[in-house]
Amino acid sequence: MVISTEPAWGEAVEQFVKEHKSAIVYADIEQETVLHEGAVRVLANGWVELPTGRLLSPDAVHHIDTQSG
């Protein structure tokens, strides 16, 4: 039996990753608790990756407002 060391999903998962250069990540609907401002990557599994490498759980994030510009 041959077992690959490459992930089964490969690069297909990258198609579901959303990158935003300017965004605000909120923890609540009232937009009173800001978790992060700046660049973010929303991963295919719903986790939000910050430029520092830190990850925010989908349970912690209420919504993300993206900004153009």
N, C-alpha and C. Protein backbone atom coordinates (compact mmCIF):
# COMPACT_ATOMS: atom_id res chain seq x y z
N MET A 1 0.84 -1.17 0.00
CA MET A 1 0.00 0.00 0.00
C MET A 1 0.89 1.24 0.00
N VAL A 2 0.52 2.21 -0.80
CA VAL A 2 1.25 3.48 -0.89
C VAL A 2 0.42 4.55 -0.20
N ILE A 3 1.05 5.26 0.72
CA ILE A 3 0.37 6.34 1.43
C ILE A 3 1.09 7.65 1.11
N SER A 4 0.33 8.62 0.66
CA SER A 4 0.88 9.92 0.30
C SER A 4 1.12 10.77 1.55
N THR A 5 2.17 11.56 1.51
CA THR A 5 2.43 12.50 2.60
C THR A 5 1.76 13.85 2.34
N GLU A 6 1.17 14.01 1.16
CA GLU A 6 0.47 15.24 0.80
C GLU A 6 -0.96 15.20 1.34
N PRO A 7 -1.50 16.33 1.77
CA PRO A 7 -2.88 16.34 2.25
C PRO A 7 -3.85 15.95 1.13
N ALA A 8 -4.92 15.29 1.50
CA ALA A 8 -5.90 14.82 0.51
C ALA A 8 -6.55 15.99 -0.24
N TRP A 9 -6.75 17.09 0.45
CA TRP A 9 -7.40 18.24 -0.19
C TRP A 9 -6.44 19.07 -1.01
N GLY A 10 -5.15 18.98 -0.71
CA GLY A 10 -4.14 19.71 -1.47
C GLY A 10 -4.43 21.19 -1.56
N GLU A 11 -4.28 21.71 -2.76
CA GLU A 11 -4.49 23.14 -2.98
C GLU A 11 -5.95 23.51 -3.16
N ALA A 12 -6.84 22.53 -3.21
CA ALA A 12 -8.26 22.82 -3.37
C ALA A 12 -8.79 23.65 -2.20
N VAL A 13 -8.25 23.42 -1.01
CA VAL A 13 -8.70 24.17 0.17
C VAL A 13 -8.38 25.65 0.02
N GLU A 14 -7.29 25.98 -0.62
CA GLU A 14 -6.89 27.39 -0.78
C GLU A 14 -7.93 28.19 -1.56
N GLN A 15 -8.75 27.51 -2.37
CA GLN A 15 -9.79 28.21 -3.12
C GLN A 15 -10.87 28.77 -2.20
N PHE A 16 -10.98 28.23 -0.99
CA PHE A 16 -11.99 28.67 -0.04
C PHE A 16 -11.45 29.67 0.97
N VAL A 17 -10.17 29.98 0.90
CA VAL A 17 -9.56 30.96 1.81
C VAL A 17 -9.82 32.36 1.26
N LYS A 18 -10.31 33.23 2.14
CA LYS A 18 -10.56 34.63 1.76
C LYS A 18 -9.54 35.51 2.46
N GLU A 19 -8.86 36.36 1.70
CA GLU A 19 -7.89 37.29 2.27
C GLU A 19 -8.42 38.72 2.14
N HIS A 20 -8.29 39.47 3.23
CA HIS A 20 -8.72 40.87 3.24
C HIS A 20 -7.58 41.70 3.79
N LYS A 21 -7.18 42.73 3.05
CA LYS A 21 -6.08 43.59 3.48
C LYS A 21 -6.52 44.58 4.55
N SER A 22 -7.79 44.91 4.55
CA SER A 22 -8.30 45.87 5.53
C SER A 22 -9.67 45.40 6.01
N ALA A 23 -9.72 45.01 7.27
CA ALA A 23 -10.97 44.50 7.84
C ALA A 23 -11.02 44.80 9.33
N ILE A 24 -12.24 44.75 9.87
CA ILE A 24 -12.44 44.86 11.31
C ILE A 24 -13.19 43.60 11.74
N VAL A 25 -12.63 42.92 12.73
CA VAL A 25 -13.23 41.69 13.24
C VAL A 25 -13.93 42.00 14.57
N TYR A 26 -15.23 41.72 14.62
CA TYR A 26 -16.03 42.03 15.80
C TYR A 26 -16.41 40.75 16.55
N ALA A 27 -16.54 40.88 17.87
CA ALA A 27 -16.96 39.76 18.71
C ALA A 27 -18.45 39.82 19.03
N ASP A 28 -19.11 40.94 18.71
CA ASP A 28 -20.51 41.10 19.07
C ASP A 28 -21.27 41.86 17.99
N ILE A 29 -22.59 41.70 18.02
CA ILE A 29 -23.44 42.34 17.01
C ILE A 29 -23.46 43.86 17.16
N GLU A 30 -23.26 44.35 18.39
CA GLU A 30 -23.30 45.79 18.64
C GLU A 30 -22.04 46.51 18.14
N GLN A 31 -21.06 45.77 17.71
CA GLN A 31 -19.79 46.29 17.21
C GLN A 31 -19.05 47.09 18.29
N GLU A 32 -19.20 46.65 19.54
CA GLU A 32 -18.50 47.31 20.64
C GLU A 32 -17.17 46.64 20.95
N THR A 33 -17.07 45.34 20.68
CA THR A 33 -15.86 44.60 20.98
C THR A 33 -15.12 44.27 19.69
N VAL A 34 -14.02 44.99 19.45
CA VAL A 34 -13.20 44.77 18.27
C VAL A 34 -12.08 43.80 18.64
N LEU A 35 -12.00 42.70 17.90
CA LEU A 35 -10.95 41.72 18.14
C LEU A 35 -9.68 42.03 17.35
N HIS A 36 -9.85 42.66 16.17
CA HIS A 36 -8.69 42.94 15.33
C HIS A 36 -9.07 43.95 14.25
N GLU A 37 -8.11 44.79 13.90
CA GLU A 37 -8.25 45.70 12.75
C GLU A 37 -7.02 45.52 11.88
N GLY A 38 -7.24 45.34 10.60
CA GLY A 38 -6.13 45.17 9.66
C GLY A 38 -6.35 43.96 8.77
N ALA A 39 -5.25 43.41 8.28
CA ALA A 39 -5.31 42.27 7.35
C ALA A 39 -5.73 41.00 8.08
N VAL A 40 -6.54 40.18 7.39
CA VAL A 40 -6.96 38.89 7.93
C VAL A 40 -7.08 37.88 6.79
N ARG A 41 -7.00 36.61 7.16
CA ARG A 41 -7.30 35.51 6.24
C ARG A 41 -8.39 34.67 6.90
N VAL A 42 -9.47 34.45 6.20
CA VAL A 42 -10.53 33.58 6.70
C VAL A 42 -10.29 32.22 6.06
N LEU A 43 -9.95 31.24 6.90
CA LEU A 43 -9.60 29.91 6.41
C LEU A 43 -10.85 29.09 6.07
N ALA A 44 -10.66 28.03 5.33
CA ALA A 44 -11.77 27.20 4.87
C ALA A 44 -12.57 26.60 6.02
N ASN A 45 -11.93 26.42 7.17
CA ASN A 45 -12.63 25.84 8.32
C ASN A 45 -13.30 26.89 9.20
N GLY A 46 -13.26 28.17 8.78
CA GLY A 46 -13.92 29.25 9.51
C GLY A 46 -13.04 30.00 10.49
N TRP A 47 -11.86 29.50 10.76
CA TRP A 47 -10.95 30.20 11.66
C TRP A 47 -10.40 31.43 10.95
N VAL A 48 -10.11 32.47 11.72
CA VAL A 48 -9.58 33.72 11.17
C VAL A 48 -8.11 33.82 11.56
N GLU A 49 -7.24 33.93 10.55
CA GLU A 49 -5.80 34.02 10.79
C GLU A 49 -5.36 35.48 10.71
N LEU A 50 -4.65 35.91 11.75
CA LEU A 50 -4.11 37.27 11.79
C LEU A 50 -2.69 37.27 11.22
N PRO A 51 -2.17 38.43 10.83
CA PRO A 51 -0.81 38.50 10.27
C PRO A 51 0.27 37.96 11.22
N THR A 52 0.01 37.96 12.52
CA THR A 52 0.98 37.46 13.49
C THR A 52 1.00 35.94 13.54
N GLY A 53 0.05 35.30 12.86
CA GLY A 53 -0.06 33.85 12.91
C GLY A 53 -1.09 33.38 13.92
N ARG A 54 -1.56 34.28 14.75
CA ARG A 54 -2.57 33.94 15.75
C ARG A 54 -3.88 33.62 15.04
N LEU A 55 -4.64 32.68 15.61
CA LEU A 55 -5.92 32.28 15.03
C LEU A 55 -7.06 32.66 15.96
N LEU A 56 -8.15 33.15 15.37
CA LEU A 56 -9.36 33.45 16.12
C LEU A 56 -10.39 32.38 15.79
N SER A 57 -10.98 31.82 16.82
CA SER A 57 -11.98 30.77 16.66
C SER A 57 -13.24 31.32 16.01
N PRO A 58 -13.91 30.51 15.19
CA PRO A 58 -15.20 30.95 14.63
C PRO A 58 -16.23 31.25 15.73
N ASP A 59 -16.09 30.61 16.89
CA ASP A 59 -17.00 30.89 18.00
C ASP A 59 -16.76 32.26 18.61
N ALA A 60 -15.56 32.80 18.47
CA ALA A 60 -15.23 34.10 19.06
C ALA A 60 -15.61 35.26 18.15
N VAL A 61 -15.72 35.00 16.86
CA VAL A 61 -15.96 36.06 15.87
C VAL A 61 -17.45 36.12 15.54
N HIS A 62 -18.05 37.30 15.73
CA HIS A 62 -19.45 37.48 15.34
C HIS A 62 -19.54 37.80 13.85
N HIS A 63 -18.75 38.79 13.41
CA HIS A 63 -18.72 39.13 11.99
C HIS A 63 -17.46 39.94 11.65
N ILE A 64 -17.22 40.05 10.35
CA ILE A 64 -16.07 40.78 9.84
C ILE A 64 -16.56 41.79 8.83
N ASP A 65 -16.21 43.05 9.04
CA ASP A 65 -16.49 44.09 8.07
C ASP A 65 -15.23 44.33 7.26
N THR A 66 -15.34 44.18 5.95
CA THR A 66 -14.19 44.44 5.10
C THR A 66 -14.27 45.88 4.60
N GLN A 67 -13.11 46.45 4.39
CA GLN A 67 -13.03 47.84 3.94
C GLN A 67 -12.28 47.88 2.63
N SER A 68 -12.80 48.65 1.70
CA SER A 68 -12.10 48.82 0.42
C SER A 68 -11.14 49.98 0.54
N GLY A 69 -10.13 49.92 -0.27
CA GLY A 69 -9.21 51.04 -0.23
C GLY A 69 -7.87 50.59 -0.14
